[in-house]
Amino acid sequence: MVNCVDFCKALADDTRQQILEMLQEREMCVSDVVAAFNMSQPTISHHLHILKRFGLVTSRKEGKQVFYAIDRDKVIECCGKLFAKLDASEVCEI
């Protein structure tokens, strides 16, 4: 189970947010994700590992390739928990 702090840590990086946005469209293999960024495969794999560790993406192996997909239910659950924790009725004055 992912807690709100871990969820926020997973989303704290712009690259991970972009990866999740890409995975909303379709399942992708690591090389597809790498091709969308100006980063090395190990760096992208690191980001995918973090997203997987916190349960925000799932993976499956097909031959030598690993395919990743967003776990929509988990992301929705985490967003709901975060929203509930940050009581929306409270107004923040700046």
N, C-alpha and C. Protein backbone atom coordinates (compact mmCIF):
# COMPACT_ATOMS: atom_id res chain seq x y z
N MET A 1 0.84 -1.18 0.00
CA MET A 1 0.00 0.00 0.00
C MET A 1 0.89 1.25 0.00
N VAL A 2 0.61 2.18 -0.88
CA VAL A 2 1.39 3.40 -1.00
C VAL A 2 0.80 4.47 -0.09
N ASN A 3 1.67 5.12 0.69
CA ASN A 3 1.16 6.22 1.50
C ASN A 3 1.33 7.53 0.74
N CYS A 4 0.72 8.58 1.25
CA CYS A 4 0.72 9.86 0.55
C CYS A 4 2.13 10.43 0.34
N VAL A 5 3.00 10.25 1.31
CA VAL A 5 4.36 10.78 1.18
C VAL A 5 5.10 10.06 0.05
N ASP A 6 5.00 8.74 0.02
CA ASP A 6 5.66 7.98 -1.04
C ASP A 6 5.09 8.33 -2.41
N PHE A 7 3.76 8.50 -2.47
CA PHE A 7 3.11 8.89 -3.72
C PHE A 7 3.66 10.22 -4.21
N CYS A 8 3.78 11.17 -3.29
CA CYS A 8 4.31 12.49 -3.67
C CYS A 8 5.78 12.41 -4.08
N LYS A 9 6.54 11.56 -3.41
CA LYS A 9 7.94 11.37 -3.79
C LYS A 9 8.04 10.82 -5.21
N ALA A 10 7.18 9.87 -5.52
CA ALA A 10 7.20 9.28 -6.86
C ALA A 10 6.85 10.31 -7.92
N LEU A 11 5.97 11.24 -7.60
CA LEU A 11 5.55 12.26 -8.56
C LEU A 11 6.40 13.53 -8.49
N ALA A 12 7.35 13.57 -7.58
CA ALA A 12 8.15 14.78 -7.38
C ALA A 12 9.10 15.07 -8.53
N ASP A 13 9.29 14.14 -9.40
CA ASP A 13 10.22 14.31 -10.51
C ASP A 13 9.44 14.52 -11.82
N ASP A 14 9.82 15.54 -12.56
CA ASP A 14 9.14 15.86 -13.82
C ASP A 14 9.22 14.71 -14.82
N THR A 15 10.34 14.03 -14.87
CA THR A 15 10.49 12.90 -15.80
C THR A 15 9.48 11.81 -15.48
N ARG A 16 9.32 11.49 -14.19
CA ARG A 16 8.36 10.45 -13.81
C ARG A 16 6.94 10.87 -14.14
N GLN A 17 6.63 12.15 -13.97
CA GLN A 17 5.30 12.64 -14.34
C GLN A 17 5.08 12.47 -15.85
N GLN A 18 6.10 12.80 -16.63
CA GLN A 18 5.98 12.66 -18.09
C GLN A 18 5.84 11.20 -18.50
N ILE A 19 6.55 10.32 -17.82
CA ILE A 19 6.44 8.89 -18.12
C ILE A 19 5.02 8.41 -17.84
N LEU A 20 4.46 8.82 -16.71
CA LEU A 20 3.08 8.43 -16.39
C LEU A 20 2.10 8.96 -17.42
N GLU A 21 2.32 10.18 -17.88
CA GLU A 21 1.45 10.74 -18.92
C GLU A 21 1.53 9.90 -20.19
N MET A 22 2.75 9.50 -20.57
CA MET A 22 2.92 8.68 -21.77
C MET A 22 2.22 7.33 -21.61
N LEU A 23 2.31 6.75 -20.42
CA LEU A 23 1.74 5.44 -20.19
C LEU A 23 0.21 5.47 -20.08
N GLN A 24 -0.36 6.65 -19.95
CA GLN A 24 -1.82 6.77 -19.98
C GLN A 24 -2.35 6.41 -21.36
N GLU A 25 -1.54 6.70 -22.38
CA GLU A 25 -1.95 6.45 -23.76
C GLU A 25 -1.89 4.97 -24.12
N ARG A 26 -0.80 4.30 -23.69
CA ARG A 26 -0.63 2.89 -24.05
C ARG A 26 0.51 2.29 -23.26
N GLU A 27 0.55 0.98 -23.24
CA GLU A 27 1.66 0.24 -22.66
C GLU A 27 2.89 0.50 -23.52
N MET A 28 4.05 0.62 -22.89
CA MET A 28 5.27 0.90 -23.65
C MET A 28 6.42 0.07 -23.11
N CYS A 29 7.33 -0.30 -24.03
CA CYS A 29 8.55 -0.97 -23.59
C CYS A 29 9.58 0.10 -23.22
N VAL A 30 10.61 -0.31 -22.53
CA VAL A 30 11.62 0.63 -22.05
C VAL A 30 12.23 1.42 -23.20
N SER A 31 12.51 0.75 -24.31
CA SER A 31 13.15 1.46 -25.43
C SER A 31 12.24 2.53 -26.01
N ASP A 32 10.92 2.32 -25.98
CA ASP A 32 9.98 3.35 -26.43
C ASP A 32 10.04 4.57 -25.52
N VAL A 33 10.10 4.32 -24.23
CA VAL A 33 10.17 5.42 -23.26
C VAL A 33 11.49 6.17 -23.42
N VAL A 34 12.58 5.43 -23.57
CA VAL A 34 13.90 6.05 -23.75
C VAL A 34 13.91 6.94 -24.98
N ALA A 35 13.28 6.50 -26.05
CA ALA A 35 13.26 7.25 -27.31
C ALA A 35 12.57 8.61 -27.16
N ALA A 36 11.69 8.74 -26.17
CA ALA A 36 10.95 9.99 -25.97
C ALA A 36 11.74 11.01 -25.15
N PHE A 37 12.85 10.60 -24.56
CA PHE A 37 13.63 11.48 -23.70
C PHE A 37 15.07 11.58 -24.19
N ASN A 38 15.73 12.60 -23.76
CA ASN A 38 17.16 12.76 -24.03
C ASN A 38 17.93 12.26 -22.81
N MET A 39 17.70 10.98 -22.48
CA MET A 39 18.32 10.36 -21.31
C MET A 39 18.76 8.95 -21.66
N SER A 40 19.64 8.43 -20.85
CA SER A 40 20.13 7.07 -21.07
C SER A 40 19.10 6.04 -20.62
N GLN A 41 19.25 4.84 -21.12
CA GLN A 41 18.36 3.74 -20.74
C GLN A 41 18.44 3.46 -19.24
N PRO A 42 19.63 3.45 -18.62
CA PRO A 42 19.68 3.22 -17.17
C PRO A 42 18.93 4.29 -16.37
N THR A 43 18.98 5.54 -16.82
CA THR A 43 18.27 6.61 -16.11
C THR A 43 16.77 6.40 -16.20
N ILE A 44 16.27 6.08 -17.39
CA ILE A 44 14.83 5.82 -17.56
C ILE A 44 14.43 4.59 -16.76
N SER A 45 15.24 3.55 -16.79
CA SER A 45 14.94 2.34 -16.02
C SER A 45 14.86 2.65 -14.53
N HIS A 46 15.71 3.54 -14.05
CA HIS A 46 15.68 3.96 -12.64
C HIS A 46 14.33 4.62 -12.32
N HIS A 47 13.88 5.52 -13.19
CA HIS A 47 12.60 6.19 -12.97
C HIS A 47 11.44 5.19 -13.00
N LEU A 48 11.50 4.26 -13.95
CA LEU A 48 10.45 3.23 -14.04
C LEU A 48 10.45 2.34 -12.80
N HIS A 49 11.64 2.05 -12.29
CA HIS A 49 11.76 1.24 -11.08
C HIS A 49 11.09 1.94 -9.90
N ILE A 50 11.30 3.23 -9.77
CA ILE A 50 10.67 4.00 -8.67
C ILE A 50 9.15 3.95 -8.82
N LEU A 51 8.66 4.20 -10.02
CA LEU A 51 7.21 4.16 -10.25
C LEU A 51 6.64 2.78 -9.95
N LYS A 52 7.39 1.74 -10.31
CA LYS A 52 6.93 0.38 -10.04
C LYS A 52 7.00 0.07 -8.55
N ARG A 53 8.05 0.49 -7.89
CA ARG A 53 8.21 0.24 -6.45
C ARG A 53 7.03 0.80 -5.66
N PHE A 54 6.53 1.95 -6.08
CA PHE A 54 5.41 2.57 -5.39
C PHE A 54 4.06 2.13 -5.98
N GLY A 55 4.09 1.17 -6.92
CA GLY A 55 2.88 0.57 -7.43
C GLY A 55 2.11 1.40 -8.44
N LEU A 56 2.73 2.43 -9.00
CA LEU A 56 2.03 3.30 -9.93
C LEU A 56 2.07 2.77 -11.35
N VAL A 57 3.00 1.86 -11.63
CA VAL A 57 3.04 1.19 -12.93
C VAL A 57 3.18 -0.31 -12.70
N THR A 58 2.76 -1.07 -13.70
CA THR A 58 2.95 -2.51 -13.69
C THR A 58 3.90 -2.85 -14.82
N SER A 59 4.47 -4.03 -14.76
CA SER A 59 5.36 -4.44 -15.85
C SER A 59 5.09 -5.90 -16.19
N ARG A 60 5.41 -6.21 -17.43
CA ARG A 60 5.35 -7.60 -17.89
C ARG A 60 6.49 -7.80 -18.86
N LYS A 61 7.02 -9.01 -18.83
CA LYS A 61 8.14 -9.34 -19.70
C LYS A 61 7.65 -10.13 -20.89
N GLU A 62 8.16 -9.75 -22.06
CA GLU A 62 7.85 -10.46 -23.30
C GLU A 62 9.19 -10.67 -24.01
N GLY A 63 9.67 -11.89 -23.94
CA GLY A 63 11.02 -12.13 -24.47
C GLY A 63 12.02 -11.36 -23.63
N LYS A 64 12.84 -10.57 -24.31
CA LYS A 64 13.84 -9.77 -23.60
C LYS A 64 13.34 -8.38 -23.23
N GLN A 65 12.17 -8.01 -23.74
CA GLN A 65 11.64 -6.67 -23.48
C GLN A 65 10.71 -6.66 -22.29
N VAL A 66 10.75 -5.54 -21.57
CA VAL A 66 9.85 -5.31 -20.45
C VAL A 66 8.89 -4.19 -20.85
N PHE A 67 7.61 -4.45 -20.70
CA PHE A 67 6.58 -3.48 -21.03
C PHE A 67 5.98 -2.92 -19.75
N TYR A 68 5.76 -1.61 -19.74
CA TYR A 68 5.20 -0.93 -18.58
C TYR A 68 3.85 -0.34 -18.92
N ALA A 69 2.97 -0.34 -17.92
CA ALA A 69 1.65 0.26 -18.06
C ALA A 69 1.31 0.96 -16.76
N ILE A 70 0.55 2.03 -16.85
CA ILE A 70 0.13 2.74 -15.66
C ILE A 70 -0.90 1.88 -14.92
N ASP A 71 -0.83 1.86 -13.61
CA ASP A 71 -1.83 1.18 -12.79
C ASP A 71 -2.86 2.23 -12.40
N ARG A 72 -3.84 2.41 -13.27
CA ARG A 72 -4.83 3.49 -13.08
C ARG A 72 -5.54 3.41 -11.73
N ASP A 73 -5.90 2.22 -11.32
CA ASP A 73 -6.60 2.07 -10.04
C ASP A 73 -5.74 2.57 -8.88
N LYS A 74 -4.45 2.24 -8.91
CA LYS A 74 -3.55 2.65 -7.84
C LYS A 74 -3.35 4.17 -7.86
N VAL A 75 -3.19 4.75 -9.04
CA VAL A 75 -3.01 6.20 -9.14
C VAL A 75 -4.26 6.92 -8.64
N ILE A 76 -5.43 6.43 -9.02
CA ILE A 76 -6.69 7.04 -8.57
C ILE A 76 -6.83 6.91 -7.06
N GLU A 77 -6.50 5.74 -6.54
CA GLU A 77 -6.56 5.52 -5.09
C GLU A 77 -5.64 6.49 -4.35
N CYS A 78 -4.42 6.64 -4.84
CA CYS A 78 -3.45 7.52 -4.19
C CYS A 78 -3.89 8.98 -4.26
N CYS A 79 -4.41 9.38 -5.41
CA CYS A 79 -4.90 10.77 -5.55
C CYS A 79 -6.05 11.02 -4.59
N GLY A 80 -6.94 10.05 -4.46
CA GLY A 80 -8.06 10.18 -3.54
C GLY A 80 -7.61 10.29 -2.10
N LYS A 81 -6.64 9.46 -1.71
CA LYS A 81 -6.12 9.52 -0.35
C LYS A 81 -5.45 10.86 -0.08
N LEU A 82 -4.68 11.34 -1.05
CA LEU A 82 -4.00 12.62 -0.89
C LEU A 82 -5.02 13.75 -0.77
N PHE A 83 -6.03 13.72 -1.62
CA PHE A 83 -7.07 14.74 -1.58
C PHE A 83 -7.79 14.73 -0.24
N ALA A 84 -8.12 13.53 0.25
CA ALA A 84 -8.80 13.42 1.54
C ALA A 84 -7.92 13.91 2.69
N LYS A 85 -6.64 13.63 2.59
CA LYS A 85 -5.71 14.04 3.64
C LYS A 85 -5.57 15.56 3.69
N LEU A 86 -5.64 16.20 2.53
CA LEU A 86 -5.50 17.64 2.44
C LEU A 86 -6.87 18.32 2.45
N ASP A 87 -7.70 17.96 3.38
CA ASP A 87 -9.07 18.45 3.52
C ASP A 87 -9.36 19.62 2.61
N ALA A 88 -10.09 19.35 1.55
CA ALA A 88 -10.39 20.35 0.53
C ALA A 88 -11.23 21.50 1.04
N SER A 89 -11.84 21.37 2.20
CA SER A 89 -12.67 22.45 2.72
C SER A 89 -11.84 23.56 3.36
N GLU A 90 -10.61 23.27 3.67
CA GLU A 90 -9.72 24.28 4.26
C GLU A 90 -9.22 25.22 3.17
N VAL A 91 -9.22 26.50 3.44
CA VAL A 91 -8.76 27.48 2.49
C VAL A 91 -7.38 27.95 2.93
N CYS A 92 -6.46 27.96 1.98
CA CYS A 92 -5.10 28.40 2.27
C CYS A 92 -4.98 29.85 1.85
N GLU A 93 -4.68 30.70 2.80
CA GLU A 93 -4.51 32.12 2.48
C GLU A 93 -3.04 32.44 2.37
N ILE A 94 -2.72 33.15 1.34
CA ILE A 94 -1.31 33.50 1.10
C ILE A 94 -1.11 34.95 1.45
